[in-house]
Amino acid sequence: MGTACLFLGAWSVLSCTAGRALVSGGPSDALVRRASHVGLVVGAGLIVCGGALL
């Protein structure tokens, strides 16, 4: 269970970082940036919880 949380958290952090890098400019930039911050927080929480379960 802990390993799955670690992998899911790492995937979330990487995908949010890559998604933010792909979208630059335009009206949806602020929305993508906000969603990326939420995804990074969720991913970091999953990594912390996964580490605690190991």
PDB file of N, CA and C in Angstrom:
ATOM      1  N   MET A   1       0.823  -1.200   0.000  1.00  0.00           N
ATOM      2  CA  MET A   1       0.000   0.000   0.000  1.00  0.00           C
ATOM      3  C   MET A   1       0.866   1.263   0.000  1.00  0.00           C
ATOM      4  N   GLY A   2       1.927   1.247   0.810  1.00  0.00           N
ATOM      5  CA  GLY A   2       2.808   2.406   0.866  1.00  0.00           C
ATOM      6  C   GLY A   2       3.524   2.645  -0.449  1.00  0.00           C
ATOM      7  N   THR A   3       3.949   1.564  -1.090  1.00  0.00           N
ATOM      8  CA  THR A   3       4.643   1.694  -2.369  1.00  0.00           C
ATOM      9  C   THR A   3       3.712   2.258  -3.437  1.00  0.00           C
ATOM     10  N   ALA A   4       2.465   1.808  -3.432  1.00  0.00           N
ATOM     11  CA  ALA A   4       1.490   2.321  -4.401  1.00  0.00           C
ATOM     12  C   ALA A   4       1.257   3.812  -4.190  1.00  0.00           C
ATOM     13  N   CYS A   5       1.181   4.252  -2.943  1.00  0.00           N
ATOM     14  CA  CYS A   5       1.001   5.679  -2.662  1.00  0.00           C
ATOM     15  C   CYS A   5       2.210   6.480  -3.121  1.00  0.00           C
ATOM     16  N   LEU A   6       3.401   5.923  -2.910  1.00  0.00           N
ATOM     17  CA  LEU A   6       4.608   6.617  -3.359  1.00  0.00           C
ATOM     18  C   LEU A   6       4.618   6.786  -4.871  1.00  0.00           C
ATOM     19  N   PHE A   7       4.310   5.718  -5.599  1.00  0.00           N
ATOM     20  CA  PHE A   7       4.303   5.794  -7.058  1.00  0.00           C
ATOM     21  C   PHE A   7       3.211   6.727  -7.570  1.00  0.00           C
ATOM     22  N   LEU A   8       2.033   6.668  -6.971  1.00  0.00           N
ATOM     23  CA  LEU A   8       0.938   7.542  -7.392  1.00  0.00           C
ATOM     24  C   LEU A   8       1.272   9.006  -7.112  1.00  0.00           C
ATOM     25  N   GLY A   9       1.870   9.273  -5.967  1.00  0.00           N
ATOM     26  CA  GLY A   9       2.273  10.641  -5.642  1.00  0.00           C
ATOM     27  C   GLY A   9       3.336  11.166  -6.588  1.00  0.00           C
ATOM     28  N   ALA A  10       4.323  10.322  -6.900  1.00  0.00           N
ATOM     29  CA  ALA A  10       5.377  10.735  -7.826  1.00  0.00           C
ATOM     30  C   ALA A  10       4.802  11.001  -9.218  1.00  0.00           C
ATOM     31  N   TRP A  11       3.880  10.165  -9.651  1.00  0.00           N
ATOM     32  CA  TRP A  11       3.251  10.369 -10.956  1.00  0.00           C
ATOM     33  C   TRP A  11       2.464  11.677 -10.973  1.00  0.00           C
ATOM     34  N   SER A  12       1.757  11.958  -9.896  1.00  0.00           N
ATOM     35  CA  SER A  12       0.969  13.186  -9.822  1.00  0.00           C
ATOM     36  C   SER A  12       1.869  14.417  -9.884  1.00  0.00           C
ATOM     37  N   VAL A  13       2.957  14.397  -9.133  1.00  0.00           N
ATOM     38  CA  VAL A  13       3.875  15.540  -9.127  1.00  0.00           C
ATOM     39  C   VAL A  13       4.506  15.728 -10.502  1.00  0.00           C
ATOM     40  N   LEU A  14       4.953  14.639 -11.118  1.00  0.00           N
ATOM     41  CA  LEU A  14       5.597  14.755 -12.429  1.00  0.00           C
ATOM     42  C   LEU A  14       4.619  15.210 -13.511  1.00  0.00           C
ATOM     43  N   SER A  15       3.407  14.673 -13.484  1.00  0.00           N
ATOM     44  CA  SER A  15       2.443  15.053 -14.521  1.00  0.00           C
ATOM     45  C   SER A  15       1.989  16.499 -14.359  1.00  0.00           C
ATOM     46  N   CYS A  16       1.852  16.963 -13.132  1.00  0.00           N
ATOM     47  CA  CYS A  16       1.462  18.363 -12.929  1.00  0.00           C
ATOM     48  C   CYS A  16       2.577  19.305 -13.349  1.00  0.00           C
ATOM     49  N   THR A  17       3.815  18.921 -13.081  1.00  0.00           N
ATOM     50  CA  THR A  17       4.942  19.754 -13.484  1.00  0.00           C
ATOM     51  C   THR A  17       5.056  19.802 -15.004  1.00  0.00           C
ATOM     52  N   ALA A  18       4.917  18.658 -15.655  1.00  0.00           N
ATOM     53  CA  ALA A  18       5.011  18.613 -17.113  1.00  0.00           C
ATOM     54  C   ALA A  18       3.828  19.321 -17.764  1.00  0.00           C
ATOM     55  N   GLY A  19       2.645  19.176 -17.206  1.00  0.00           N
ATOM     56  CA  GLY A  19       1.466  19.832 -17.760  1.00  0.00           C
ATOM     57  C   GLY A  19       1.565  21.340 -17.702  1.00  0.00           C
ATOM     58  N   ARG A  20       2.124  21.845 -16.629  1.00  0.00           N
ATOM     59  CA  ARG A  20       2.281  23.290 -16.502  1.00  0.00           C
ATOM     60  C   ARG A  20       3.310  23.800 -17.502  1.00  0.00           C
ATOM     61  N   ALA A  21       4.338  23.004 -17.775  1.00  0.00           N
ATOM     62  CA  ALA A  21       5.365  23.424 -18.726  1.00  0.00           C
ATOM     63  C   ALA A  21       4.826  23.424 -20.165  1.00  0.00           C
ATOM     64  N   LEU A  22       3.869  22.550 -20.457  1.00  0.00           N
ATOM     65  CA  LEU A  22       3.338  22.460 -21.821  1.00  0.00           C
ATOM     66  C   LEU A  22       2.412  23.611 -22.165  1.00  0.00           C
ATOM     67  N   VAL A  23       1.684  24.131 -21.177  1.00  0.00           N
ATOM     68  CA  VAL A  23       0.719  25.197 -21.426  1.00  0.00           C
ATOM     69  C   VAL A  23       1.327  26.511 -20.956  1.00  0.00           C
ATOM     70  N   SER A  24       1.573  27.404 -21.886  1.00  0.00           N
ATOM     71  CA  SER A  24       2.103  28.713 -21.511  1.00  0.00           C
ATOM     72  C   SER A  24       1.356  29.781 -22.286  1.00  0.00           C
ATOM     73  N   GLY A  25       0.845  30.731 -21.567  1.00  0.00           N
ATOM     74  CA  GLY A  25       0.101  31.819 -22.196  1.00  0.00           C
ATOM     75  C   GLY A  25      -1.348  31.429 -22.460  1.00  0.00           C
ATOM     76  N   GLY A  26      -2.125  32.410 -22.829  1.00  0.00           N
ATOM     77  CA  GLY A  26      -3.529  32.155 -23.138  1.00  0.00           C
ATOM     78  C   GLY A  26      -4.406  32.290 -21.911  1.00  0.00           C
ATOM     79  N   PRO A  27      -5.716  32.287 -22.128  1.00  0.00           N
ATOM     80  CA  PRO A  27      -6.641  32.482 -21.014  1.00  0.00           C
ATOM     81  C   PRO A  27      -6.698  31.296 -20.052  1.00  0.00           C
ATOM     82  N   SER A  28      -6.309  30.122 -20.513  1.00  0.00           N
ATOM     83  CA  SER A  28      -6.394  28.962 -19.628  1.00  0.00           C
ATOM     84  C   SER A  28      -5.141  28.792 -18.776  1.00  0.00           C
ATOM     85  N   ASP A  29      -4.162  29.685 -18.932  1.00  0.00           N
ATOM     86  CA  ASP A  29      -2.905  29.548 -18.207  1.00  0.00           C
ATOM     87  C   ASP A  29      -3.113  29.633 -16.702  1.00  0.00           C
ATOM     88  N   ALA A  30      -3.938  30.551 -16.239  1.00  0.00           N
ATOM     89  CA  ALA A  30      -4.177  30.695 -14.798  1.00  0.00           C
ATOM     90  C   ALA A  30      -4.885  29.465 -14.231  1.00  0.00           C
ATOM     91  N   LEU A  31      -5.819  28.928 -14.988  1.00  0.00           N
ATOM     92  CA  LEU A  31      -6.537  27.732 -14.534  1.00  0.00           C
ATOM     93  C   LEU A  31      -5.598  26.537 -14.451  1.00  0.00           C
ATOM     94  N   VAL A  32      -4.745  26.384 -15.444  1.00  0.00           N
ATOM     95  CA  VAL A  32      -3.790  25.278 -15.437  1.00  0.00           C
ATOM     96  C   VAL A  32      -2.805  25.432 -14.283  1.00  0.00           C
ATOM     97  N   ARG A  33      -2.369  26.648 -14.042  1.00  0.00           N
ATOM     98  CA  ARG A  33      -1.437  26.892 -12.941  1.00  0.00           C
ATOM     99  C   ARG A  33      -2.078  26.550 -11.596  1.00  0.00           C
ATOM    100  N   ARG A  34      -3.344  26.935 -11.416  1.00  0.00           N
ATOM    101  CA  ARG A  34      -4.038  26.642 -10.157  1.00  0.00           C
ATOM    102  C   ARG A  34      -4.243  25.143  -9.987  1.00  0.00           C
ATOM    103  N   ALA A  35      -4.660  24.465 -11.054  1.00  0.00           N
ATOM    104  CA  ALA A  35      -4.847  23.019 -10.985  1.00  0.00           C
ATOM    105  C   ALA A  35      -3.519  22.311 -10.747  1.00  0.00           C
ATOM    106  N   SER A  36      -2.451  22.859 -11.292  1.00  0.00           N
ATOM    107  CA  SER A  36      -1.139  22.271 -11.090  1.00  0.00           C
ATOM    108  C   SER A  36      -0.710  22.377  -9.636  1.00  0.00           C
ATOM    109  N   HIS A  37      -0.996  23.500  -9.000  1.00  0.00           N
ATOM    110  CA  HIS A  37      -0.658  23.645  -7.581  1.00  0.00           C
ATOM    111  C   HIS A  37      -1.428  22.635  -6.732  1.00  0.00           C
ATOM    112  N   VAL A  38      -2.689  22.455  -7.032  1.00  0.00           N
ATOM    113  CA  VAL A  38      -3.502  21.477  -6.296  1.00  0.00           C
ATOM    114  C   VAL A  38      -2.946  20.072  -6.501  1.00  0.00           C
ATOM    115  N   GLY A  39      -2.594  19.744  -7.736  1.00  0.00           N
ATOM    116  CA  GLY A  39      -2.029  18.428  -8.022  1.00  0.00           C
ATOM    117  C   GLY A  39      -0.704  18.196  -7.328  1.00  0.00           C
ATOM    118  N   LEU A  40       0.120  19.236  -7.242  1.00  0.00           N
ATOM    119  CA  LEU A  40       1.393  19.098  -6.544  1.00  0.00           C
ATOM    120  C   LEU A  40       1.190  18.858  -5.059  1.00  0.00           C
ATOM    121  N   VAL A  41       0.227  19.541  -4.455  1.00  0.00           N
ATOM    122  CA  VAL A  41      -0.054  19.341  -3.037  1.00  0.00           C
ATOM    123  C   VAL A  41      -0.588  17.939  -2.779  1.00  0.00           C
ATOM    124  N   VAL A  42      -1.490  17.478  -3.638  1.00  0.00           N
ATOM    125  CA  VAL A  42      -2.032  16.120  -3.495  1.00  0.00           C
ATOM    126  C   VAL A  42      -0.927  15.085  -3.679  1.00  0.00           C
ATOM    127  N   GLY A  43      -0.081  15.290  -4.678  1.00  0.00           N
ATOM    128  CA  GLY A  43       1.023  14.368  -4.916  1.00  0.00           C
ATOM    129  C   GLY A  43       2.004  14.325  -3.757  1.00  0.00           C
ATOM    130  N   ALA A  44       2.321  15.488  -3.214  1.00  0.00           N
ATOM    131  CA  ALA A  44       3.227  15.523  -2.064  1.00  0.00           C
ATOM    132  C   ALA A  44       2.605  14.825  -0.862  1.00  0.00           C
ATOM    133  N   GLY A  45       1.317  15.001  -0.664  1.00  0.00           N
ATOM    134  CA  GLY A  45       0.635  14.314   0.440  1.00  0.00           C
ATOM    135  C   GLY A  45       0.658  12.814   0.268  1.00  0.00           C
ATOM    136  N   LEU A  46       0.467  12.351  -0.968  1.00  0.00           N
ATOM    137  CA  LEU A  46       0.531  10.921  -1.222  1.00  0.00           C
ATOM    138  C   LEU A  46       1.935  10.363  -0.975  1.00  0.00           C
ATOM    139  N   ILE A  47       2.950  11.127  -1.330  1.00  0.00           N
ATOM    140  CA  ILE A  47       4.320  10.675  -1.097  1.00  0.00           C
ATOM    141  C   ILE A  47       4.607  10.585   0.404  1.00  0.00           C
ATOM    142  N   VAL A  48       4.141  11.567   1.157  1.00  0.00           N
ATOM    143  CA  VAL A  48       4.358  11.554   2.608  1.00  0.00           C
ATOM    144  C   VAL A  48       3.607  10.387   3.245  1.00  0.00           C
ATOM    145  N   CYS A  49       2.354  10.194   2.850  1.00  0.00           N
ATOM    146  CA  CYS A  49       1.572   9.091   3.402  1.00  0.00           C
ATOM    147  C   CYS A  49       2.153   7.738   3.003  1.00  0.00           C
ATOM    148  N   GLY A  50       2.611   7.627   1.768  1.00  0.00           N
ATOM    149  CA  GLY A  50       3.230   6.387   1.322  1.00  0.00           C
ATOM    150  C   GLY A  50       4.502   6.083   2.091  1.00  0.00           C
ATOM    151  N   GLY A  51       5.288   7.111   2.359  1.00  0.00           N
ATOM    152  CA  GLY A  51       6.498   6.916   3.153  1.00  0.00           C
ATOM    153  C   GLY A  51       6.187   6.505   4.572  1.00  0.00           C
ATOM    154  N   ALA A  52       5.099   7.022   5.120  1.00  0.00           N
ATOM    155  CA  ALA A  52       4.719   6.660   6.481  1.00  0.00           C
ATOM    156  C   ALA A  52       4.202   5.221   6.551  1.00  0.00           C
ATOM    157  N   LEU A  53       3.615   4.747   5.467  1.00  0.00           N
ATOM    158  CA  LEU A  53       3.073   3.368   5.460  1.00  0.00           C
ATOM    159  C   LEU A  53       4.145   2.316   5.215  1.00  0.00           C
ATOM    160  N   LEU A  54       5.305   2.721   4.712  1.00  0.00           N
ATOM    161  CA  LEU A  54       6.361   1.732   4.442  1.00  0.00           C
ATOM    162  C   LEU A  54       6.976   1.211   5.719  1.00  0.00           C
TER     163      LEU A  54
END
